[in-house]
Amino acid sequence: MRRFMSLSLPRWPTDRRQTSPLHQRSVRSPDTPYALVHTTTGGERLYALNAAASAAGLRRGQAVADAKSLEPGLQVESASPALDKRLLQALARACGRWSPWTAPDPGLPGEDGIVLDITGCARLFGGEEKLVTATLEAVREQGYVVHAAAAPTLGLAWGLARYAARQESSGFIITDTVSEPLNALPVEALRIGPVAEQLRRFGLKRVGDLAGLPRASLARRFGRELVARLDQARGLDEEVLNPLQPRTHYRARLRFPEALLLLDSIKQTVRETANTLCEQLDAHGQGLRRAELNLYRVDGKVLLVSLGTAAPARDPAHITRLFSEKLDRAEIDIGFGIDVVELRASETAPLNTQQSGLLDRDDMAPDTMARLTDRLVVRLGDDQVRRAARRESHIPERAAGWRRNNGNGTALAVRDSAPAPPLVAPQAEIDPDRPLLILARPEPAQAVAEIPDGPPRSFIWRRVRHLVHRAEGPERLAPEWWRDQLSPRSRDYFRVETREGRRFWLYREGLFGLETTTPEWFVHGAS
C-alpha cells in the first residue's frame, strides 16, 4: 500500500526571511508586523505576511498604502519568488533523511510545501507517527511553521496538511482511510484553483457534496480537471511523485544516533557504504559510472559530493579512494556533525566479469588506465584531464585532437564511443601511411619542382635547404568546402626522403591552372 506525506509551510516566504541573519538585523522582534510586497498592474501589493501582520488584520493582495494606514509599524521588503522556490528545493533535498523520494511543492504563499513518498520508510523510524513527528521537529527547529499529514493518496495528504492538520494540537494527521477524511475537506483541498469558487456559488462547499453528483455533469460544467483531481484524491487514478532524486535500485545508507564530527569517521562510513553498494551492483551485473555522496548534517543541510568513473567500476577500494581524495579537496563544512551518510549510484552500465592476466599481476589489470584516469580527474579537476580523440574530418590537422570531460562530473571514457576497427581490415579501409610526427599547424616552405604538378626536388624549411633523393605521391585531399568557404583549395601530399636520410611529409596547396597559378608548399610532418 502506497503512503505519502505532505508538509505544509503556510508562511514559507516570510519564515525564510525571518530566519536569515540579514533579516534578523533589520527586524528586531518576530512580533513586528512584516510583509513581502510585489509590484503588479494595480501597484504594490502584499505578497506574503508573517503571523503578526495577519493578526493585525492585513491580508494578502492588499495595497501597501492601505496596509500601512491600518498598521503604521508594518515593515516591508521586496518578494523573491524565484529564490523562495530554489531554497524550497534545498529544504526538500534535506528531507531526504526520512525518505529517498522527496519533491518541493511550490505554490501561492500559504500553499508552499514538500511531498514525500514514505512507502516502506516508517518501519525504519518505529512507525509513521514517529516518522512524522521527527520530520516536524526538524523543520520547526529551523524556525519554520509547518503542518503535516500522511495518507494513502498524495491528493488526500495534500489537503489534510493544509486544512485539517492546522486544527490539530499536534500539527499532523495520519489516516489509513480515504473516503471519510476526504469528504470532510473543503473543495479547495482538491487543488483546483479558481474552480473552487465556482463550486461554492452552487453551494458545493465540501468534497463530500460532490460524491452523489454525476461525473459527466461535473466535467461538463466545471472541467475535466475537477474529476481528475477527485479521482486522484480517492485513489482511483494513480498520481506519481516526481522526486528530486531519480529512483534507483542501487543505494546504501547509514544512520547514526550520534553525529559524526571527524572527517576520518566519514571516510570510514564511505568505505562501508561502498561495500554494500558494490554488492548490489555485482548482483545485477552493473558497474558504477557516476556516484553521489549525500552527507546530511544535523542542522538540516545536505552536503553533496559527486564523481564519475572512466569505465564501469564496482571495486569498493577504488570507489572509497576516489571519495576520500574528493573529500580532502572539497573542504566541506561538517558543522555540528553528520548523522546520515548515503551513497547512491545515479548512473550505471553493464559490467561483465573480466578475466585476469595469466600471471595475475596487478599491473596487468585491464582497467588500470581507467583507475588512473579517475584519480587524475579527482586530483586535477574535470577540465584538466584530456585524451586523444578522433574527429570527423579527413584533413590531417583536424582529424585528431584532445577531448575534455563532458562537463557533468563523469570522467573521460578510456575507449572512444565509436566501435573499435577490426583487427584485419579490407585493403580499401586501411588508412594511408602517416608520419610519426604531425605538426599541429603546417609550416610554410619554399620548394622547387621540375614540373608544376610534380614532386619537389628541393625545399627550404626553417632556413635549412633539403635536397630530395626519393619522393612518393601525390595523395590528393579535397578541401572541406563546408568549413573553408573563403578559399577552399586541394592538397597534394608527398612523402620525400632527403639525401641525408631524413623523411618529411609535405604538400602543395592549390591545383596549378585550376585553383591557382602560384601553388604554396607546406611541411606537415616528419618521420
Protein backbone atom coordinates (compact mmCIF):
# COMPACT_ATOMS: atom_id res chain seq x y z
CA MET A 1 0.00 0.00 0.00
CA ARG A 2 1.38 3.37 -1.02
CA ARG A 3 1.88 6.02 1.64
CA PHE A 4 2.51 9.73 1.12
CA MET A 5 3.37 12.54 3.49
CA SER A 6 2.73 16.19 2.73
CA LEU A 7 4.33 19.09 4.58
CA SER A 8 2.54 22.42 4.56
CA LEU A 9 4.59 25.62 5.03
CA PRO A 10 1.88 28.29 5.33
CA ARG A 11 4.35 31.15 5.86
CA TRP A 12 7.35 29.92 3.91
CA PRO A 13 8.37 33.25 2.22
CA THR A 14 8.31 35.26 5.45
CA ASP A 15 9.63 32.46 7.68
CA ARG A 16 12.60 32.07 5.34
CA ARG A 17 13.39 35.78 5.61
CA GLN A 18 12.96 35.92 9.38
CA THR A 19 15.35 33.02 9.96
CA SER A 20 18.15 34.57 7.87
CA PRO A 21 20.83 36.62 9.71
CA LEU A 22 20.33 39.55 7.34
CA HIS A 23 16.65 39.83 8.25
CA GLN A 24 17.33 39.45 11.96
CA ARG A 25 19.44 42.58 11.82
CA SER A 26 16.68 44.60 10.13
CA VAL A 27 13.70 43.23 12.09
CA ARG A 28 14.43 43.02 15.80
CA SER A 29 11.40 41.07 17.00
CA PRO A 30 9.30 38.34 15.34
CA ASP A 31 6.27 40.10 16.81
CA THR A 32 6.85 43.02 14.45
CA PRO A 33 4.33 43.06 11.57
CA TYR A 34 6.29 42.15 8.47
CA ALA A 35 5.27 41.53 4.87
CA LEU A 36 6.74 40.91 1.44
CA VAL A 37 5.45 43.00 -1.44
CA HIS A 38 5.47 42.66 -5.21
CA THR A 39 4.53 45.05 -7.98
CA THR A 40 1.51 44.24 -10.16
CA THR A 41 -0.57 46.17 -12.66
CA GLY A 42 -2.50 47.63 -9.74
CA GLY A 43 0.60 48.85 -7.92
CA GLU A 44 2.41 47.39 -4.91
CA ARG A 45 0.52 44.60 -3.19
CA LEU A 46 1.16 42.42 -0.17
CA TYR A 47 2.58 39.12 -1.31
CA ALA A 48 3.14 37.25 1.99
CA LEU A 49 2.66 38.11 5.66
CA ASN A 50 4.05 36.87 8.94
CA ALA A 51 1.86 35.92 11.88
CA ALA A 52 1.98 39.39 13.43
CA ALA A 53 0.83 41.05 10.19
CA SER A 54 -2.05 38.60 9.82
CA ALA A 55 -3.09 39.17 13.43
CA ALA A 56 -3.22 42.91 12.71
CA GLY A 57 -5.94 42.32 10.11
CA LEU A 58 -3.83 42.59 6.98
CA ARG A 59 -4.43 40.23 4.08
CA ARG A 60 -2.60 39.02 1.02
CA GLY A 61 -3.24 41.11 -2.12
CA GLN A 62 -3.97 44.27 -0.15
CA ALA A 63 -2.44 47.53 -1.36
CA VAL A 64 0.69 48.53 0.55
CA ALA A 65 -0.64 52.04 1.17
CA ASP A 66 -3.87 50.67 2.67
CA ALA A 67 -1.94 48.18 4.79
CA LYS A 68 0.33 50.87 6.25
CA SER A 69 -2.64 53.06 7.03
CA LEU A 70 -4.07 50.22 9.12
CA GLU A 71 -0.70 49.21 10.64
CA PRO A 72 1.83 52.10 10.61
CA GLY A 73 4.56 49.85 12.08
CA LEU A 74 4.45 47.43 9.16
CA GLN A 75 7.87 46.60 7.72
CA VAL A 76 8.01 45.56 4.07
CA GLU A 77 10.60 44.05 1.74
CA SER A 78 10.53 43.02 -1.90
CA ALA A 79 9.47 39.45 -2.54
CA SER A 80 11.77 36.98 -4.32
CA PRO A 81 9.59 34.13 -5.61
CA ALA A 82 12.42 32.57 -7.63
CA LEU A 83 14.70 32.44 -4.59
CA ASP A 84 11.85 31.04 -2.48
CA LYS A 85 11.43 28.15 -4.93
CA ARG A 86 15.15 27.45 -5.07
CA LEU A 87 15.51 27.32 -1.29
CA LEU A 88 12.34 25.23 -1.01
CA GLN A 89 14.04 22.72 -3.27
CA ALA A 90 17.05 22.70 -0.93
CA LEU A 91 14.76 22.03 2.03
CA ALA A 92 13.09 19.20 0.10
CA ARG A 93 16.50 17.67 -0.56
CA ALA A 94 17.29 17.87 3.16
CA CYS A 95 14.09 15.91 3.83
CA GLY A 96 15.78 13.01 2.07
CA ARG A 97 16.91 11.82 5.51
CA TRP A 98 13.37 10.47 6.01
CA SER A 99 12.58 9.30 2.50
CA PRO A 100 14.72 8.89 -0.61
CA TRP A 101 11.92 10.32 -2.77
CA THR A 102 11.06 13.91 -1.96
CA ALA A 103 9.95 16.85 -4.08
CA PRO A 104 9.21 20.54 -3.47
CA ASP A 105 5.61 21.66 -3.88
CA PRO A 106 5.75 25.40 -4.55
CA GLY A 107 2.53 27.34 -4.86
CA LEU A 108 0.97 30.59 -3.79
CA PRO A 109 2.04 31.84 -0.34
CA GLY A 110 0.24 29.62 2.12
CA GLU A 111 0.29 26.63 -0.23
CA ASP A 112 4.05 26.01 -0.32
CA GLY A 113 5.11 22.63 0.90
CA ILE A 114 7.04 19.41 0.38
CA VAL A 115 5.75 15.98 -0.57
CA LEU A 116 7.39 12.67 0.34
CA ASP A 117 6.77 9.11 -0.73
CA ILE A 118 7.19 7.28 2.59
CA THR A 119 6.17 3.84 1.36
CA GLY A 120 8.21 1.35 3.37
CA CYS A 121 10.08 4.06 5.30
CA ALA A 122 8.03 4.11 8.52
CA ARG A 123 9.47 0.85 9.86
CA LEU A 124 12.92 2.40 9.89
CA PHE A 125 11.75 5.02 12.40
CA GLY A 126 9.47 2.90 14.58
CA GLY A 127 6.20 3.75 12.88
CA GLU A 128 4.60 6.56 10.90
CA GLU A 129 3.81 8.64 13.95
CA LYS A 130 7.47 8.77 14.97
CA LEU A 131 8.47 9.46 11.38
CA VAL A 132 6.06 12.39 11.04
CA THR A 133 6.99 13.73 14.47
CA ALA A 134 10.71 13.63 13.71
CA THR A 135 10.12 15.43 10.43
CA LEU A 136 8.08 18.20 12.02
CA GLU A 137 10.55 18.69 14.86
CA ALA A 138 13.49 19.01 12.49
CA VAL A 139 11.74 21.55 10.26
CA ARG A 140 10.41 23.56 13.20
CA GLU A 141 13.89 23.74 14.72
CA GLN A 142 14.91 25.78 11.68
CA GLY A 143 12.23 28.36 12.50
CA TYR A 144 9.50 27.35 10.04
CA VAL A 145 5.79 26.94 10.73
CA VAL A 146 4.87 23.51 9.35
CA HIS A 147 1.97 21.04 9.39
CA ALA A 148 1.93 17.50 8.06
CA ALA A 149 -0.36 14.69 7.03
CA ALA A 150 0.18 11.08 5.97
CA ALA A 151 -2.38 9.31 3.80
CA PRO A 152 -2.74 6.58 1.15
CA THR A 153 -3.00 9.13 -1.69
CA LEU A 154 -0.97 12.21 -2.46
CA GLY A 155 -4.04 14.38 -3.02
CA LEU A 156 -5.56 13.46 0.34
CA ALA A 157 -2.28 14.09 2.17
CA TRP A 158 -2.00 17.49 0.49
CA GLY A 159 -5.49 18.55 1.55
CA LEU A 160 -5.23 17.25 5.12
CA ALA A 161 -1.94 19.04 5.70
CA ARG A 162 -3.34 22.41 4.64
CA TYR A 163 -6.87 22.33 6.01
CA ALA A 164 -7.23 19.69 8.73
CA ALA A 165 -3.78 19.42 10.34
CA ARG A 166 -3.81 23.12 11.26
CA GLN A 167 -6.72 22.42 13.61
CA GLU A 168 -4.86 19.69 15.47
CA SER A 169 -2.74 20.48 18.53
CA SER A 170 0.00 18.12 17.32
CA GLY A 171 0.04 19.72 13.89
CA PHE A 172 -0.31 16.48 11.93
CA ILE A 173 -2.86 13.88 10.88
CA ILE A 174 -2.30 10.22 9.96
CA THR A 175 -5.09 8.30 8.27
CA ASP A 176 -5.41 4.88 6.68
CA THR A 177 -8.82 5.53 5.12
CA VAL A 178 -9.73 7.81 2.24
CA SER A 179 -13.46 8.44 1.92
CA GLU A 180 -14.34 9.82 5.35
CA PRO A 181 -11.44 12.30 5.82
CA LEU A 182 -11.65 13.38 2.17
CA ASN A 183 -15.38 14.14 2.27
CA ALA A 184 -14.89 16.44 5.29
CA LEU A 185 -12.36 18.66 3.49
CA PRO A 186 -13.30 21.90 1.70
CA VAL A 187 -13.33 21.84 -2.08
CA GLU A 188 -10.14 23.95 -2.12
CA ALA A 189 -8.29 20.85 -0.87
CA LEU A 190 -8.67 19.28 -4.34
CA ARG A 191 -6.06 21.68 -5.83
CA ILE A 192 -8.48 23.02 -8.45
CA GLY A 193 -7.72 26.76 -8.16
CA PRO A 194 -10.49 29.17 -9.23
CA VAL A 195 -12.89 26.26 -9.85
CA ALA A 196 -13.39 26.08 -6.08
CA GLU A 197 -15.07 29.50 -6.10
CA GLN A 198 -17.47 28.34 -8.82
CA LEU A 199 -18.39 25.29 -6.77
CA ARG A 200 -19.14 27.44 -3.73
CA ARG A 201 -21.53 29.57 -5.77
CA PHE A 202 -23.59 26.42 -6.30
CA GLY A 203 -23.47 25.55 -2.61
CA LEU A 204 -20.86 22.81 -3.03
CA LYS A 205 -18.52 23.62 -0.15
CA ARG A 206 -17.22 20.19 0.89
CA VAL A 207 -15.72 17.36 -1.13
CA GLY A 208 -18.49 15.14 0.19
CA ASP A 209 -21.04 17.35 -1.57
CA LEU A 210 -19.61 16.15 -4.90
CA ALA A 211 -19.91 12.44 -4.07
CA GLY A 212 -23.50 11.99 -5.29
CA LEU A 213 -23.24 14.15 -8.43
CA PRO A 214 -22.82 12.57 -11.89
CA ARG A 215 -19.23 12.68 -13.13
CA ALA A 216 -20.27 13.69 -16.63
CA SER A 217 -22.17 16.71 -15.33
CA LEU A 218 -19.22 17.81 -13.18
CA ALA A 219 -16.80 17.50 -16.08
CA ARG A 220 -19.12 19.34 -18.49
CA ARG A 221 -19.83 22.26 -16.15
CA PHE A 222 -16.56 22.63 -14.19
CA GLY A 223 -13.96 20.98 -16.41
CA ARG A 224 -12.15 17.65 -16.51
CA GLU A 225 -9.51 18.79 -14.02
CA LEU A 226 -12.06 18.62 -11.20
CA VAL A 227 -12.91 14.99 -11.97
CA ALA A 228 -9.22 14.10 -12.41
CA ARG A 229 -8.24 15.64 -9.06
CA LEU A 230 -11.17 13.95 -7.35
CA ASP A 231 -10.13 10.55 -8.73
CA GLN A 232 -6.52 11.12 -7.66
CA ALA A 233 -7.54 12.02 -4.11
CA ARG A 234 -9.81 8.97 -3.90
CA GLY A 235 -7.08 6.66 -5.22
CA LEU A 236 -9.00 5.74 -8.39
CA ASP A 237 -6.33 7.34 -10.58
CA GLU A 238 -2.67 6.92 -9.59
CA GLU A 239 -0.69 10.09 -9.01
CA VAL A 240 3.05 9.64 -9.30
CA LEU A 241 5.53 11.70 -7.33
CA ASN A 242 8.33 13.23 -9.40
CA PRO A 243 11.22 13.18 -6.90
CA LEU A 244 14.33 15.33 -6.89
CA GLN A 245 16.50 12.24 -6.98
CA PRO A 246 15.56 9.68 -9.62
CA ARG A 247 14.53 6.32 -8.33
CA THR A 248 17.42 3.89 -8.27
CA HIS A 249 17.86 0.37 -7.00
CA TYR A 250 21.48 0.93 -6.03
CA ARG A 251 21.70 2.84 -2.79
CA ALA A 252 23.45 2.37 0.57
CA ARG A 253 22.67 4.43 3.66
CA LEU A 254 23.89 4.50 7.26
CA ARG A 255 22.24 6.43 10.09
CA PHE A 256 23.99 7.23 13.37
CA PRO A 257 22.44 8.00 16.76
CA GLU A 258 25.37 10.33 17.45
CA ALA A 259 26.61 12.70 14.78
CA LEU A 260 29.99 12.17 13.10
CA LEU A 261 32.33 15.07 13.81
CA LEU A 262 35.58 13.87 12.21
CA LEU A 263 36.41 13.56 8.53
CA ASP A 264 38.11 10.21 9.14
CA SER A 265 34.86 8.82 10.54
CA ILE A 266 33.03 9.93 7.41
CA LYS A 267 35.63 8.23 5.23
CA GLN A 268 35.20 5.01 7.17
CA THR A 269 31.45 5.24 6.62
CA VAL A 270 32.00 5.79 2.90
CA ARG A 271 34.02 2.56 2.87
CA GLU A 272 31.17 0.64 4.47
CA THR A 273 28.52 2.08 2.16
CA ALA A 274 30.74 1.41 -0.87
CA ASN A 275 30.95 -2.28 0.09
CA THR A 276 27.16 -2.51 0.31
CA LEU A 277 26.65 -0.60 -2.95
CA CYS A 278 29.13 -2.76 -4.87
CA GLU A 279 27.41 -5.92 -3.64
CA GLN A 280 24.15 -4.61 -5.11
CA LEU A 281 25.85 -3.76 -8.40
CA ASP A 282 27.56 -7.15 -8.56
CA ALA A 283 24.24 -8.97 -8.07
CA HIS A 284 22.83 -7.29 -11.20
CA GLY A 285 25.97 -7.28 -13.34
CA GLN A 286 26.24 -3.49 -13.26
CA GLY A 287 29.15 -1.14 -12.82
CA LEU A 288 29.26 2.36 -11.40
CA ARG A 289 29.61 5.27 -13.84
CA ARG A 290 28.52 8.11 -11.60
CA ALA A 291 28.05 8.21 -7.83
CA GLU A 292 26.65 10.77 -5.41
CA LEU A 293 27.54 11.00 -1.74
CA ASN A 294 24.93 12.81 0.37
CA LEU A 295 26.02 13.91 3.84
CA TYR A 296 23.07 15.02 5.98
CA ARG A 297 24.01 17.48 8.70
CA VAL A 298 22.11 17.63 11.96
CA ASP A 299 21.04 21.21 11.23
CA GLY A 300 19.11 20.11 8.13
CA LYS A 301 21.63 20.98 5.43
CA VAL A 302 22.87 18.45 2.88
CA LEU A 303 26.42 18.24 1.52
CA LEU A 304 26.65 16.69 -1.93
CA VAL A 305 29.86 15.19 -3.32
CA SER A 306 29.69 13.54 -6.75
CA LEU A 307 32.20 11.94 -9.08
CA GLY A 308 32.32 9.83 -12.21
CA THR A 309 34.40 6.94 -13.42
CA ALA A 310 36.16 6.47 -16.73
CA ALA A 311 34.76 2.96 -17.08
CA PRO A 312 32.13 0.95 -15.20
CA ALA A 313 33.56 0.04 -11.80
CA ARG A 314 32.44 -1.83 -8.71
CA ASP A 315 35.63 -2.12 -6.70
CA PRO A 316 34.89 -0.77 -3.19
CA ALA A 317 38.55 0.10 -2.54
CA HIS A 318 38.76 2.16 -5.73
CA ILE A 319 35.48 4.00 -5.07
CA THR A 320 36.50 4.69 -1.47
CA ARG A 321 39.85 6.08 -2.55
CA LEU A 322 38.21 8.44 -5.05
CA PHE A 323 35.76 9.80 -2.49
CA SER A 324 38.49 10.14 0.15
CA GLU A 325 40.57 12.32 -2.16
CA LYS A 326 37.47 14.24 -3.17
CA LEU A 327 36.56 14.91 0.47
CA ASP A 328 40.10 16.07 1.25
CA ARG A 329 39.95 18.67 -1.52
CA ALA A 330 36.32 19.70 -1.11
CA GLU A 331 36.91 21.33 2.32
CA ILE A 332 33.38 20.52 3.42
CA ASP A 333 31.85 22.15 6.47
CA ILE A 334 30.70 19.37 8.79
CA GLY A 335 29.06 21.88 11.13
CA PHE A 336 27.61 20.22 14.22
CA GLY A 337 28.01 16.77 12.71
CA ILE A 338 26.73 14.31 10.11
CA ASP A 339 24.05 11.85 11.20
CA VAL A 340 23.14 10.26 7.85
CA VAL A 341 25.52 9.14 5.08
CA GLU A 342 24.05 7.98 1.78
CA LEU A 343 25.91 6.69 -1.27
CA ARG A 344 23.89 6.15 -4.42
CA ALA A 345 24.67 5.16 -7.99
CA SER A 346 22.99 7.73 -10.21
CA GLU A 347 24.36 6.21 -13.42
CA THR A 348 25.36 2.63 -14.10
CA ALA A 349 26.44 0.50 -17.04
CA PRO A 350 26.71 -3.25 -17.65
CA LEU A 351 29.95 -4.74 -16.34
CA ASN A 352 30.69 -8.37 -17.03
CA THR A 353 33.25 -10.40 -15.16
CA GLN A 354 36.70 -9.89 -16.69
CA GLN A 355 39.41 -12.49 -16.84
CA SER A 356 42.64 -11.55 -15.09
CA GLY A 357 46.08 -11.81 -16.63
CA LEU A 358 47.95 -15.07 -16.99
CA LEU A 359 50.32 -14.20 -14.14
CA ASP A 360 47.61 -12.49 -12.07
CA ARG A 361 49.66 -9.31 -11.71
CA ASP A 362 48.02 -6.03 -10.65
CA ASP A 363 49.75 -4.08 -13.39
CA MET A 364 48.15 -6.36 -15.98
CA ALA A 365 44.61 -5.46 -14.93
CA PRO A 366 42.55 -4.31 -17.94
CA ASP A 367 41.04 -1.38 -16.03
CA THR A 368 44.35 0.08 -14.87
CA MET A 369 44.11 3.02 -17.25
CA ALA A 370 40.52 3.71 -16.17
CA ARG A 371 41.52 3.86 -12.50
CA LEU A 372 44.42 6.15 -13.30
CA THR A 373 42.07 8.46 -15.19
CA ASP A 374 39.64 8.54 -12.26
CA ARG A 375 42.36 9.55 -9.80
CA LEU A 376 43.73 12.23 -12.10
CA VAL A 377 40.26 13.71 -12.57
CA VAL A 378 39.69 13.81 -8.80
CA ARG A 379 43.05 15.41 -8.10
CA LEU A 380 43.35 17.83 -11.01
CA GLY A 381 39.73 18.59 -11.84
CA ASP A 382 37.30 17.61 -14.56
CA ASP A 383 38.59 20.10 -17.11
CA GLN A 384 42.28 19.37 -16.61
CA VAL A 385 42.36 15.79 -17.88
CA ARG A 386 42.20 15.23 -21.61
CA ARG A 387 42.78 12.38 -24.01
CA ALA A 388 43.39 11.99 -27.69
CA ALA A 389 40.26 11.54 -29.76
CA ARG A 390 39.30 11.21 -33.39
CA ARG A 391 37.22 13.80 -35.20
CA GLU A 392 35.03 13.76 -38.27
CA SER A 393 37.46 15.22 -40.78
CA HIS A 394 39.85 13.98 -43.46
CA ILE A 395 42.14 16.99 -43.09
CA PRO A 396 45.11 15.69 -41.04
CA GLU A 397 45.33 18.56 -38.55
CA ARG A 398 41.59 18.31 -37.88
CA ALA A 399 41.24 14.53 -37.81
CA ALA A 400 42.58 14.24 -34.25
CA GLY A 401 42.54 16.37 -31.13
CA TRP A 402 42.05 16.40 -27.39
CA ARG A 403 38.78 15.63 -25.69
CA ARG A 404 37.96 17.10 -22.28
CA ASN A 405 35.49 15.98 -19.69
CA ASN A 406 31.85 16.11 -20.80
CA GLY A 407 31.03 18.67 -18.05
CA ASN A 408 28.65 16.64 -15.88
CA GLY A 409 31.23 15.22 -13.50
CA THR A 410 31.72 11.96 -15.40
CA ALA A 411 35.32 11.15 -16.09
CA LEU A 412 36.70 10.56 -19.54
CA ALA A 413 35.98 7.22 -21.08
CA VAL A 414 39.07 5.21 -21.79
CA ARG A 415 37.71 3.97 -25.08
CA ASP A 416 36.22 6.11 -27.78
CA SER A 417 32.48 5.95 -28.21
CA ALA A 418 32.99 4.76 -31.78
CA PRO A 419 33.39 1.00 -32.24
CA ALA A 420 36.92 -0.30 -32.49
CA PRO A 421 38.14 -1.17 -36.01
CA PRO A 422 38.60 -4.85 -36.88
CA LEU A 423 41.99 -6.41 -36.42
CA VAL A 424 42.19 -7.21 -40.13
CA ALA A 425 40.54 -4.58 -42.31
CA PRO A 426 39.96 -4.72 -46.05
CA GLN A 427 42.62 -3.04 -48.11
CA ALA A 428 40.25 -0.25 -49.12
CA GLU A 429 39.59 0.65 -45.48
CA ILE A 430 43.22 0.87 -44.34
CA ASP A 431 44.23 4.49 -43.67
CA PRO A 432 47.13 5.80 -45.73
CA ASP A 433 50.54 5.93 -44.10
CA ARG A 434 51.12 8.87 -41.85
CA PRO A 435 54.40 10.07 -40.36
CA LEU A 436 55.23 9.57 -36.71
CA LEU A 437 55.18 13.32 -36.09
CA ILE A 438 52.43 15.51 -37.49
CA LEU A 439 52.70 19.23 -36.79
CA ALA A 440 49.73 20.88 -35.12
CA ARG A 441 49.85 23.51 -37.86
CA PRO A 442 51.51 23.08 -41.26
CA GLU A 443 54.58 25.29 -41.63
CA PRO A 444 55.29 27.10 -44.91
CA ALA A 445 58.24 26.02 -47.05
CA GLN A 446 59.85 27.06 -50.32
CA ALA A 447 60.00 24.15 -52.77
CA VAL A 448 61.27 23.68 -56.35
CA ALA A 449 59.72 21.10 -58.68
CA GLU A 450 60.65 20.09 -62.22
CA ILE A 451 57.05 20.48 -63.40
CA PRO A 452 54.22 22.45 -61.72
CA ASP A 453 52.30 19.33 -60.64
CA GLY A 454 55.34 17.13 -59.94
CA PRO A 455 57.10 16.19 -56.70
CA PRO A 456 59.58 18.61 -55.14
CA ARG A 457 63.29 18.32 -55.99
CA SER A 458 64.40 20.53 -53.10
CA PHE A 459 62.80 22.67 -50.40
CA ILE A 460 63.77 25.14 -47.72
CA TRP A 461 62.18 24.73 -44.30
CA ARG A 462 63.17 26.58 -41.13
CA ARG A 463 66.06 28.20 -43.02
CA VAL A 464 67.58 24.84 -43.95
CA ARG A 465 67.81 23.60 -47.53
CA HIS A 466 66.99 19.95 -48.18
CA LEU A 467 67.71 18.05 -51.39
CA VAL A 468 65.17 15.36 -52.20
CA HIS A 469 66.57 11.90 -53.01
CA ARG A 470 63.28 9.98 -53.32
CA ALA A 471 59.65 11.10 -53.50
CA GLU A 472 56.34 9.26 -53.41
CA GLY A 473 52.93 10.68 -54.22
CA PRO A 474 50.82 12.60 -54.64
CA GLU A 475 47.97 11.81 -52.25
CA ARG A 476 45.24 14.29 -53.05
CA LEU A 477 42.90 15.57 -50.35
CA ALA A 478 39.89 17.59 -51.41
CA PRO A 479 39.02 20.70 -49.37
CA GLU A 480 36.20 20.75 -46.84
CA TRP A 481 34.12 23.33 -48.65
CA TRP A 482 31.54 23.47 -45.84
CA ARG A 483 34.27 24.77 -43.49
CA ASP A 484 36.78 26.54 -45.73
CA GLN A 485 34.28 28.70 -47.57
CA LEU A 486 36.68 31.61 -48.21
CA SER A 487 39.49 29.86 -50.08
CA PRO A 488 38.95 26.11 -50.46
CA ARG A 489 41.93 24.56 -52.22
CA SER A 490 43.04 20.99 -52.74
CA ARG A 491 46.21 19.47 -51.30
CA ASP A 492 48.72 17.11 -52.93
CA TYR A 493 50.77 15.32 -50.26
CA PHE A 494 54.23 13.85 -50.93
CA ARG A 495 56.43 11.58 -48.82
CA VAL A 496 60.03 12.52 -49.52
CA GLU A 497 63.46 11.32 -48.36
CA THR A 498 66.43 13.69 -48.40
CA ARG A 499 70.00 12.80 -49.28
CA GLU A 500 70.84 12.78 -45.55
CA GLY A 501 68.20 10.07 -44.98
CA ARG A 502 65.57 12.29 -43.35
CA ARG A 503 61.93 11.79 -44.24
CA PHE A 504 59.34 14.54 -44.49
CA TRP A 505 55.68 14.81 -45.30
CA LEU A 506 54.81 17.96 -47.21
CA TYR A 507 52.07 19.08 -49.53
CA ARG A 508 51.35 21.51 -52.31
CA GLU A 509 48.20 23.59 -51.75
CA GLY A 510 46.23 24.57 -54.84
CA LEU A 511 45.92 22.80 -58.19
CA PHE A 512 48.05 24.56 -60.80
CA GLY A 513 45.93 26.12 -63.56
CA LEU A 514 42.61 25.22 -61.87
CA GLU A 515 42.67 26.74 -58.38
CA THR A 516 45.74 28.96 -58.52
CA THR A 517 48.74 29.93 -60.66
CA THR A 518 51.15 30.01 -57.72
CA PRO A 519 50.76 26.91 -55.52
CA GLU A 520 52.14 27.09 -51.98
CA TRP A 521 54.16 24.41 -50.17
CA PHE A 522 53.90 23.36 -46.52
CA VAL A 523 55.70 20.85 -44.32
CA HIS A 524 53.18 18.89 -42.29
CA GLY A 525 55.14 16.07 -40.66
CA ALA A 526 58.36 14.11 -40.33
CA SER A 527 59.40 10.55 -39.61
